[in-house]
């Protein structure tokens, strides 16, 4: 007997209802399984991350950086959403990179490998958790093993299809078009894309050098300068300090060397921030100059940094010795401390003063005596009073001048690197500072000096101020230095 049309329709609707119920249960179970068991902890480069896969109508990747906000990438299509949370920075890994035990050059490849391994592991765990969730929810809701297995198969098919779509539609260029939220929402306007940051910084370096050139031309042409005019025989020395890894410093220095026709560069230390092997490659910039480069180690420079400088063909490293360079007899020594960060125990104030006393004793017994002493911390300067005519120092990131007594002058240079990354911690940013010193070649006495100041990070301003040797300003007390009534300077570790 033939089935009535109405019965067939009802039967079809019931069958469709059962299929829909299985699909809904499978989806609910998959979602529950992902929520409960899909989160994994993964090491990606120096970061410890938490990853999970979620069901979503939009296949995207979200990177959460608490408490700053999140970055969303249109990395793929499909029903699977990848969520990555930066949980914490592994300081031991960062320290390993800075100390050179792990290569900085290999870090990008290691991050990619770690990320690929972590995503695969998270994907497998998500499939297992989602399918298991579907089985459990189906058993609880429908109470039939066969239907539960069918729901599990539906969930498995969903994950396989979603993963296939993600692979086929994967867009690696999505990293160039991120969407920011939270405090990171200002990131595009503040720093721009990665490509723009690089191009803008390169332009900044070039513009700073060009600005120095233009200002120096006007400076030479003006008729309002003090009466001292260096003649062609004058010895011109560029004094720099505390570069702190800033690559823009070298553009500025090259421009000044060319415009002021410098004969010599003297660097009173802190070429780097941590003295690590990757940072020490910055010493290669020294060999790009055609004039001698005299250097003493700062408290942020390691012995490896000093060795990297010594390998440069035009470098002269002072470690308690005297060297005659461009006609000047220079004595100097590196800072006795090595303090790449506050966690490193180092000798205290007595070691700095003792180093200055040793240099003074060596200078007084030398024949002929040195003309200039180079130190890093100004606190080592007072013992040198009467032993040399001029003491050059740095360390404080603030330019100053003072008379130590017995005719000895001390010039403290600011940061030629604008304090490096520390410039981001101050408002306005720390300026880029260096000085051109003018010596009489026959007497080797300082006649005058020009203080060259450029605006800090992101700024393009420049000033040049002339000082005669008789024009000395008192050393002012600052948060990073202390001057006592007796003229002694307390050691600091900026």
Protein backbone atom coordinates (compact mmCIF):
# COMPACT_ATOMS: atom_id res chain seq x y z
CA UNK A 1 0.00 0.00 0.00
CA UNK A 2 1.45 3.37 -1.04
CA UNK A 3 2.36 5.88 1.62
CA UNK A 4 0.27 9.02 1.72
CA UNK A 5 2.00 12.23 0.52
CA UNK A 6 1.48 13.87 3.91
CA UNK A 7 3.20 11.00 5.69
CA UNK A 8 6.23 11.21 3.42
CA UNK A 9 6.55 14.90 4.12
CA UNK A 10 6.30 14.35 7.85
CA UNK A 11 8.86 11.57 7.62
CA UNK A 12 11.22 13.82 5.66
CA UNK A 13 10.81 16.66 8.13
CA UNK A 14 11.48 14.34 11.04
CA UNK A 15 14.61 13.02 9.34
CA UNK A 16 15.80 16.56 8.62
CA UNK A 17 15.08 17.50 12.21
CA UNK A 18 17.20 14.61 13.48
CA UNK A 19 20.05 15.60 11.15
CA UNK A 20 19.79 19.23 12.25
CA UNK A 21 19.74 18.15 15.89
CA UNK A 22 22.93 16.12 15.35
CA UNK A 23 24.62 19.09 13.63
CA UNK A 24 23.57 21.50 16.37
CA UNK A 25 24.70 19.11 19.10
CA UNK A 26 27.98 18.58 17.24
CA UNK A 27 28.57 22.34 17.01
CA UNK A 28 27.63 22.96 20.64
CA UNK A 29 29.83 20.08 21.76
CA UNK A 30 32.73 21.26 19.58
CA UNK A 31 32.45 24.76 21.02
CA UNK A 32 32.33 23.40 24.58
CA UNK A 33 35.30 21.13 23.92
CA UNK A 34 37.34 24.00 22.52
CA UNK A 35 36.42 26.23 25.43
CA UNK A 36 37.44 23.64 28.02
CA UNK A 37 40.39 21.84 26.53
CA UNK A 38 41.84 23.62 23.49
CA UNK A 39 44.06 26.19 25.23
CA UNK A 40 47.80 25.41 25.09
CA UNK A 41 50.86 27.11 26.49
CA UNK A 42 53.64 27.58 23.96
CA UNK A 43 57.11 29.12 23.87
CA UNK A 44 57.56 31.39 20.85
CA UNK A 45 61.01 32.94 20.81
CA UNK A 46 61.44 34.94 24.05
CA UNK A 47 57.67 34.92 24.75
CA UNK A 48 55.50 32.53 26.69
CA UNK A 49 52.12 32.46 24.96
CA UNK A 50 48.68 30.96 25.39
CA UNK A 51 47.01 29.77 22.19
CA UNK A 52 43.54 28.53 21.44
CA UNK A 53 41.28 27.90 18.44
CA UNK A 54 37.66 29.05 18.49
CA UNK A 55 34.68 28.59 16.19
CA UNK A 56 33.90 31.84 14.45
CA UNK A 57 32.23 32.99 11.22
CA UNK A 58 35.36 34.99 10.46
CA UNK A 59 38.68 33.23 10.10
CA UNK A 60 41.15 35.64 11.69
CA UNK A 61 44.10 35.68 14.03
CA UNK A 62 44.06 37.87 17.14
CA UNK A 63 47.20 38.62 19.13
CA UNK A 64 46.38 39.89 22.62
CA UNK A 65 49.04 41.90 24.45
CA UNK A 66 47.65 42.61 27.94
CA UNK A 67 47.24 45.32 29.13
CA UNK A 68 47.99 47.22 25.91
CA UNK A 69 45.22 45.76 23.77
CA UNK A 70 45.12 43.49 20.75
CA UNK A 71 46.12 43.24 17.10
CA UNK A 72 43.75 41.51 14.66
CA UNK A 73 45.02 40.03 11.40
CA UNK A 74 42.94 38.87 8.43
CA UNK A 75 45.22 35.89 8.12
CA UNK A 76 42.77 33.33 6.70
CA UNK A 77 39.14 32.50 6.01
CA UNK A 78 36.90 29.78 7.34
CA UNK A 79 35.17 28.94 10.61
CA UNK A 80 38.32 28.74 12.78
CA UNK A 81 39.63 31.73 14.73
CA UNK A 82 43.17 31.60 16.19
CA UNK A 83 43.68 33.50 19.44
CA UNK A 84 47.23 34.12 20.74
CA UNK A 85 47.87 35.82 24.07
CA UNK A 86 51.33 37.09 25.00
CA UNK A 87 51.46 35.89 28.58
CA UNK A 88 54.94 36.95 29.69
CA UNK A 89 58.41 37.77 28.43
CA UNK A 90 61.00 35.16 29.32
CA UNK A 91 63.80 37.32 30.73
CA UNK A 92 66.24 34.41 30.66
CA UNK A 93 65.89 34.15 26.88
CA UNK A 94 66.31 37.91 26.43
CA UNK A 95 69.41 37.80 28.62
CA UNK A 96 70.78 34.92 26.55
CA UNK A 97 70.40 36.98 23.38
CA UNK A 98 72.02 40.02 24.96
CA UNK A 99 74.95 38.03 26.32
CA UNK A 100 75.53 36.40 22.96
CA UNK A 101 74.85 32.81 24.02
CA UNK A 102 71.95 32.89 21.57
CA UNK A 103 72.30 34.54 18.19
CA UNK A 104 70.16 37.61 17.53
CA UNK A 105 70.37 36.87 13.81
CA UNK A 106 68.77 33.46 14.35
CA UNK A 107 65.91 34.85 16.45
CA UNK A 108 63.44 35.48 13.55
CA UNK A 109 63.91 31.95 12.19
CA UNK A 110 63.52 30.53 15.68
CA UNK A 111 60.31 32.50 16.25
CA UNK A 112 58.87 31.24 12.95
CA UNK A 113 59.81 27.64 13.78
CA UNK A 114 58.39 27.93 17.30
CA UNK A 115 55.18 29.49 16.00
CA UNK A 116 54.70 26.82 13.33
CA UNK A 117 55.24 24.03 15.87
CA UNK A 118 52.93 25.70 18.41
CA UNK A 119 50.12 26.28 15.91
CA UNK A 120 50.26 22.64 14.74
CA UNK A 121 50.22 21.41 18.32
CA UNK A 122 47.34 23.73 19.20
CA UNK A 123 45.45 22.59 16.09
CA UNK A 124 45.77 18.90 16.98
CA UNK A 125 44.73 19.55 20.55
CA UNK A 126 41.77 21.61 19.35
CA UNK A 127 40.57 18.82 17.03
CA UNK A 128 40.77 16.26 19.83
CA UNK A 129 39.04 18.58 22.32
CA UNK A 130 36.33 19.59 19.86
CA UNK A 131 35.51 16.04 18.77
CA UNK A 132 35.56 14.82 22.37
CA UNK A 133 33.21 17.64 23.35
CA UNK A 134 30.79 16.69 20.57
CA UNK A 135 30.77 13.05 21.69
CA UNK A 136 30.12 13.95 25.33
CA UNK A 137 27.37 16.50 24.61
CA UNK A 138 25.69 14.16 22.11
CA UNK A 139 25.68 11.29 24.59
CA UNK A 140 24.21 13.53 27.29
CA UNK A 141 21.60 15.10 25.00
CA UNK A 142 20.60 12.24 22.70
CA UNK A 143 21.65 9.21 24.82
CA UNK A 144 22.49 7.08 21.79
CA UNK A 145 26.04 5.95 21.07
CA UNK A 146 25.49 5.74 17.32
CA UNK A 147 24.15 9.30 17.18
CA UNK A 148 27.01 10.48 19.42
CA UNK A 149 29.56 8.93 17.04
CA UNK A 150 27.80 10.63 14.14
CA UNK A 151 28.04 13.98 15.97
CA UNK A 152 31.74 13.36 16.53
CA UNK A 153 32.21 12.69 12.81
CA UNK A 154 30.39 15.93 11.99
CA UNK A 155 32.70 17.85 14.32
CA UNK A 156 35.77 16.15 12.82
CA UNK A 157 34.59 17.02 9.32
CA UNK A 158 34.06 20.64 10.41
CA UNK A 159 37.61 20.93 11.76
CA UNK A 160 39.16 19.26 8.72
CA UNK A 161 37.19 21.50 6.36
CA UNK A 162 37.99 24.61 8.40
CA UNK A 163 41.68 23.72 8.54
CA UNK A 164 41.74 23.09 4.79
CA UNK A 165 40.10 26.43 4.06
CA UNK A 166 42.57 28.17 6.40
CA UNK A 167 45.55 26.61 4.61
CA UNK A 168 44.21 27.42 1.15
CA UNK A 169 43.34 31.03 2.02
CA UNK A 170 46.36 31.75 4.26
CA UNK A 171 47.52 35.35 3.73
CA UNK A 172 51.03 36.02 5.13
CA UNK A 173 50.81 39.67 4.03
CA UNK A 174 48.08 40.29 6.59
CA UNK A 175 50.83 41.25 9.04
CA UNK A 176 51.30 44.43 6.98
CA UNK A 177 47.63 45.44 7.47
CA UNK A 178 46.90 44.93 11.18
CA UNK A 179 43.84 46.21 13.04
CA UNK A 180 44.61 47.62 16.50
CA UNK A 181 42.37 47.94 19.54
CA UNK A 182 42.76 49.06 23.14
CA UNK A 183 45.80 51.18 23.97
CA UNK A 184 47.41 49.85 20.80
CA UNK A 185 44.83 51.72 18.74
CA UNK A 186 47.21 54.66 18.53
CA UNK A 187 50.04 52.49 17.24
CA UNK A 188 49.51 53.13 13.50
CA UNK A 189 49.58 56.89 13.94
CA UNK A 190 52.46 56.78 16.39
CA UNK A 191 54.82 54.26 14.78
CA UNK A 192 53.26 53.38 11.42
CA UNK A 193 53.81 50.06 9.73
CA UNK A 194 57.05 48.15 10.09
CA UNK A 195 58.13 49.27 6.63
CA UNK A 196 57.30 52.91 7.38
CA UNK A 197 59.21 52.82 10.66
CA UNK A 198 62.37 51.67 8.88
CA UNK A 199 62.05 54.18 6.03
CA UNK A 200 61.16 57.05 8.36
CA UNK A 201 64.08 56.32 10.67
CA UNK A 202 66.47 56.17 7.73
CA UNK A 203 65.11 59.55 6.59
CA UNK A 204 65.52 60.89 10.13
CA UNK A 205 69.18 59.84 10.18
CA UNK A 206 69.84 61.48 6.81
CA UNK A 207 67.98 64.67 7.75
CA UNK A 208 69.92 65.04 10.99
CA UNK A 209 73.22 64.77 9.12
CA UNK A 210 72.02 67.23 6.47
CA UNK A 211 70.84 69.63 9.17
CA UNK A 212 74.28 69.61 10.79
CA UNK A 213 75.82 70.46 7.42
CA UNK A 214 73.50 73.39 6.78
CA UNK A 215 73.80 74.83 10.29
CA UNK A 216 77.59 74.52 10.28
CA UNK A 217 77.79 76.45 6.99
CA UNK A 218 75.73 79.27 8.47
CA UNK A 219 77.81 79.10 11.64
CA UNK A 220 81.06 79.61 9.76
CA UNK A 221 79.58 82.47 7.74
CA UNK A 222 78.16 84.51 10.63
CA UNK A 223 80.01 87.59 11.87
CA UNK A 224 78.75 87.43 15.46
CA UNK A 225 81.07 84.67 16.70
CA UNK A 226 83.50 85.22 19.58
CA UNK A 227 86.88 86.53 18.58
CA UNK A 228 88.62 83.15 18.43
CA UNK A 229 88.91 81.90 14.86
CA UNK A 230 90.62 78.54 14.34
CA UNK A 231 93.33 78.70 11.70
CA UNK A 232 94.21 75.88 9.29
CA UNK A 233 96.86 74.56 11.68
CA UNK A 234 94.42 74.20 14.59
CA UNK A 235 93.95 70.63 15.86
CA UNK A 236 90.24 69.80 15.75
CA UNK A 237 88.95 66.99 17.98
CA UNK A 238 85.38 65.68 17.95
CA UNK A 239 84.35 64.61 21.47
CA UNK A 240 81.52 62.06 21.72
CA UNK A 241 80.13 59.85 24.48
CA UNK A 242 77.28 57.53 25.46
CA UNK A 243 76.19 56.48 21.97
CA UNK A 244 74.15 53.62 23.49
CA UNK A 245 73.55 51.69 20.24
CA UNK A 246 71.92 54.62 18.40
CA UNK A 247 72.70 54.17 14.67
CA UNK A 248 71.75 57.79 13.92
CA UNK A 249 74.83 58.93 15.84
CA UNK A 250 77.16 57.77 13.09
CA UNK A 251 75.43 59.85 10.41
CA UNK A 252 75.71 62.92 12.61
CA UNK A 253 79.36 62.23 13.43
CA UNK A 254 80.28 61.74 9.76
CA UNK A 255 78.64 65.04 8.88
CA UNK A 256 80.46 66.90 11.67
CA UNK A 257 83.81 65.32 10.81
CA UNK A 258 83.40 66.46 7.22
CA UNK A 259 82.02 69.94 7.89
CA UNK A 260 84.40 70.82 10.72
CA UNK A 261 87.39 68.98 9.18
CA UNK A 262 88.05 67.00 12.36
CA UNK A 263 91.48 65.42 12.85
CA UNK A 264 90.54 63.04 15.63
CA UNK A 265 87.52 61.53 17.46
CA UNK A 266 87.57 60.82 21.21
CA UNK A 267 84.85 58.63 22.75
CA UNK A 268 84.43 58.46 26.54
CA UNK A 269 82.44 55.24 26.55
CA UNK A 270 79.06 53.55 26.71
CA UNK A 271 79.09 52.62 23.06
CA UNK A 272 76.47 49.94 23.88
CA UNK A 273 73.72 49.31 26.43
CA UNK A 274 74.59 45.80 27.58
CA UNK A 275 77.98 45.02 26.06
CA UNK A 276 76.51 41.93 24.36
CA UNK A 277 77.93 40.21 21.32
CA UNK A 278 75.14 41.33 18.95
CA UNK A 279 75.52 44.94 20.12
CA UNK A 280 79.29 44.90 19.70
CA UNK A 281 78.93 44.86 15.92
CA UNK A 282 78.26 48.60 16.23
CA UNK A 283 82.01 49.00 16.71
CA UNK A 284 82.42 48.23 13.00
CA UNK A 285 81.16 51.77 12.32
CA UNK A 286 84.39 53.14 13.77
CA UNK A 287 86.39 51.91 10.78
CA UNK A 288 84.20 53.97 8.42
CA UNK A 289 86.12 57.10 9.52
CA UNK A 290 89.44 58.05 7.95
CA UNK A 291 90.75 59.61 11.15
CA UNK A 292 91.88 58.06 14.48
CA UNK A 293 89.22 57.09 17.02
CA UNK A 294 90.33 57.06 20.69
CA UNK A 295 88.08 55.15 23.09
CA UNK A 296 87.73 54.31 26.79
CA UNK A 297 85.24 51.73 28.03
CA UNK A 298 82.03 52.87 29.78
CA UNK A 299 80.15 51.07 32.53
CA UNK A 300 77.70 49.66 29.93
CA UNK A 301 80.53 48.33 27.74
CA UNK A 302 81.98 44.87 28.32
CA UNK A 303 85.54 43.73 27.75
CA UNK A 304 84.21 42.14 24.56
CA UNK A 305 83.00 45.58 23.49
CA UNK A 306 86.48 46.96 24.12
CA UNK A 307 88.00 44.12 22.08
CA UNK A 308 85.57 44.81 19.22
CA UNK A 309 86.70 48.45 19.19
CA UNK A 310 90.37 47.46 19.31
CA UNK A 311 89.92 45.36 16.15
CA UNK A 312 89.11 48.47 14.09
CA UNK A 313 92.09 49.64 12.04
CA UNK A 314 91.84 53.28 13.16
CA UNK A 315 90.93 52.69 16.82
CA UNK A 316 93.12 53.47 19.83
CA UNK A 317 91.89 51.87 23.06
CA UNK A 318 93.19 53.30 26.33
CA UNK A 319 93.43 50.99 29.35
CA UNK A 320 95.59 52.97 31.74
CA UNK A 321 98.21 53.78 29.10
CA UNK A 322 99.29 56.91 27.25
CA UNK A 323 99.03 57.25 23.48
CA UNK A 324 100.15 60.06 21.20
CA UNK A 325 97.46 60.61 18.58
CA UNK A 326 97.43 63.48 16.06
CA UNK A 327 100.05 65.22 18.20
CA UNK A 328 98.09 64.98 21.47
CA UNK A 329 99.35 62.88 24.35
CA UNK A 330 96.26 61.23 25.82
CA UNK A 331 95.98 59.07 28.94
CA UNK A 332 92.81 57.18 29.81
CA UNK A 333 91.19 54.12 31.27
CA UNK A 334 87.84 52.35 31.14
CA UNK A 335 85.23 52.43 33.87
CA UNK A 336 86.05 49.79 36.52
CA UNK A 337 82.37 48.83 36.69
CA UNK A 338 80.32 46.77 34.25
CA UNK A 339 76.63 47.41 34.91
CA UNK A 340 74.55 46.32 31.89
CA UNK A 341 71.51 46.34 34.17
CA UNK A 342 70.66 46.94 37.82
CA UNK A 343 70.80 43.22 38.63
CA UNK A 344 74.57 43.13 38.14
CA UNK A 345 76.67 43.71 41.24
CA UNK A 346 79.63 46.00 40.56
CA UNK A 347 82.36 47.87 42.43
CA UNK A 348 81.22 51.06 44.07
CA UNK A 349 82.34 54.68 44.27
CA UNK A 350 85.76 53.90 45.71
CA UNK A 351 86.74 51.91 42.61
CA UNK A 352 85.90 54.86 40.34
CA UNK A 353 87.92 57.32 42.43
CA UNK A 354 90.80 54.86 42.73
CA UNK A 355 90.95 54.53 38.94
CA UNK A 356 91.22 58.32 38.68
CA UNK A 357 94.00 58.35 41.29
CA UNK A 358 95.95 55.69 39.36
CA UNK A 359 95.69 57.72 36.16
CA UNK A 360 96.82 60.85 38.01
CA UNK A 361 99.87 59.06 39.44
CA UNK A 362 100.81 57.75 35.99
CA UNK A 363 100.34 61.20 34.43
CA UNK A 364 102.57 62.90 37.01
CA UNK A 365 105.43 60.49 36.45
CA UNK A 366 105.20 60.48 32.65
CA UNK A 367 107.82 62.32 30.62
CA UNK A 368 106.61 64.16 28.67
CA UNK A 369 103.32 64.48 30.58
CA UNK A 370 99.98 63.81 28.87
CA UNK A 371 97.87 66.72 27.66
CA UNK A 372 94.42 65.14 27.99
CA UNK A 373 92.87 62.48 30.24
CA UNK A 374 89.85 60.43 29.13
CA UNK A 375 87.52 58.85 31.69
CA UNK A 376 83.88 57.76 31.63
CA UNK A 377 82.46 58.77 35.01
CA UNK A 378 83.26 62.40 36.02
CA UNK A 379 83.72 61.14 39.59
CA UNK A 380 87.17 59.91 38.53
CA UNK A 381 88.13 63.47 37.49
CA UNK A 382 89.04 65.34 40.73
CA UNK A 383 92.21 63.25 41.44
CA UNK A 384 93.52 64.40 38.03
CA UNK A 385 93.57 68.07 39.06
CA UNK A 386 97.03 69.42 38.27
CA UNK A 387 98.10 66.22 36.50
CA UNK A 388 96.72 67.14 33.05
CA UNK A 389 95.38 70.28 31.42
CA UNK A 390 92.07 68.78 30.29
CA UNK A 391 89.83 65.91 31.47
CA UNK A 392 87.14 64.54 29.14
CA UNK A 393 84.22 62.53 30.59
CA UNK A 394 80.65 61.45 29.83
CA UNK A 395 78.26 59.13 31.68
CA UNK A 396 75.74 61.69 33.00
CA UNK A 397 73.95 62.27 29.63
CA UNK A 398 74.16 65.99 30.39
CA UNK A 399 76.84 68.35 29.12
CA UNK A 400 78.74 70.47 31.65
CA UNK A 401 82.12 72.11 32.29
CA UNK A 402 84.07 72.87 35.47
CA UNK A 403 87.51 73.72 36.76
CA UNK A 404 88.95 71.00 38.99
CA UNK A 405 91.75 73.18 40.34
CA UNK A 406 95.44 73.71 39.55
CA UNK A 407 94.49 74.83 36.05
CA UNK A 408 92.74 71.56 35.08
CA UNK A 409 89.48 71.83 33.20
CA UNK A 410 86.90 69.01 32.93
CA UNK A 411 84.43 68.85 30.06
CA UNK A 412 81.54 66.41 30.49
CA UNK A 413 79.91 65.44 27.23
CA UNK A 414 76.21 64.70 26.84
CA UNK A 415 74.87 61.64 25.05
CA UNK A 416 75.80 61.51 21.36
CA UNK A 417 73.21 58.74 21.06
CA UNK A 418 70.45 60.79 22.67
CA UNK A 419 70.62 58.20 25.50
CA UNK A 420 69.63 55.45 23.04
CA UNK A 421 66.29 53.81 23.85
CA UNK A 422 66.19 55.78 27.08
CA UNK A 423 65.19 58.77 24.96
CA UNK A 424 61.70 57.25 24.94
CA UNK A 425 61.55 57.65 28.73
CA UNK A 426 62.02 61.42 28.81
CA UNK A 427 59.91 64.36 27.64
CA UNK A 428 61.29 66.02 25.64
CA UNK A 429 63.64 63.27 24.42
CA UNK A 430 67.31 63.52 25.41
CA UNK A 431 69.15 65.58 22.77
CA UNK A 432 72.06 64.32 20.70
CA UNK A 433 75.15 66.15 21.94
CA UNK A 434 78.82 66.27 20.97
CA UNK A 435 81.54 68.91 20.92
CA UNK A 436 84.30 70.11 18.61
CA UNK A 437 87.46 70.94 20.58
CA UNK A 438 90.12 73.29 19.17
CA UNK A 439 93.74 72.81 20.31
CA UNK A 440 96.83 74.85 19.51
CA UNK A 441 99.16 72.38 17.80
CA UNK A 442 102.35 73.82 19.24
CA UNK A 443 101.26 74.21 22.87
CA UNK A 444 98.54 71.50 22.77
CA UNK A 445 96.37 73.79 24.90
CA UNK A 446 92.58 73.92 24.48
CA UNK A 447 91.68 77.26 22.87
CA UNK A 448 87.90 76.93 22.40
CA UNK A 449 85.13 74.43 21.87
CA UNK A 450 81.85 74.29 20.00
CA UNK A 451 78.88 72.58 21.67
CA UNK A 452 76.75 70.90 18.99
CA UNK A 453 73.22 69.96 20.04
CA UNK A 454 70.59 68.24 17.95
CA UNK A 455 66.97 67.65 18.91
CA UNK A 456 66.21 64.25 20.41
CA UNK A 457 64.36 61.32 18.87
CA UNK A 458 61.99 62.50 16.13
CA UNK A 459 63.17 66.13 16.23
CA UNK A 460 65.21 67.93 13.58
CA UNK A 461 66.66 70.99 15.30
CA UNK A 462 70.29 71.95 15.71
CA UNK A 463 72.29 74.55 17.64
CA UNK A 464 76.02 75.25 17.76
CA UNK A 465 77.43 77.34 20.62
CA UNK A 466 81.02 78.62 20.78
CA UNK A 467 82.95 78.79 24.09
CA UNK A 468 86.41 80.24 24.62
CA UNK A 469 88.78 78.47 26.98
CA UNK A 470 88.25 81.21 29.56
CA UNK A 471 84.46 80.82 29.39
CA UNK A 472 83.60 78.06 31.87
CA UNK A 473 80.13 77.47 33.28
CA UNK A 474 79.74 75.87 36.72
CA UNK A 475 78.77 72.20 36.80
CA UNK A 476 75.09 72.07 37.77
CA UNK A 477 73.62 69.41 39.99
CA UNK A 478 71.23 67.03 38.22
CA UNK A 479 69.34 63.85 39.18
CA UNK A 480 72.13 61.78 37.61
CA UNK A 481 75.11 63.58 39.16
CA UNK A 482 76.06 65.17 42.47
CA UNK A 483 78.52 68.03 42.98
CA UNK A 484 79.85 68.73 46.47
CA UNK A 485 81.25 72.09 47.66
CA UNK A 486 84.81 70.68 47.40
CA UNK A 487 84.38 69.97 43.71
CA UNK A 488 84.32 66.18 43.95
CA UNK A 489 81.74 64.35 41.87
CA UNK A 490 79.86 61.33 43.22
CA UNK A 491 79.86 58.27 40.94
CA UNK A 492 76.55 57.31 39.38
CA UNK A 493 75.30 54.47 37.18
CA UNK A 494 72.90 55.91 34.57
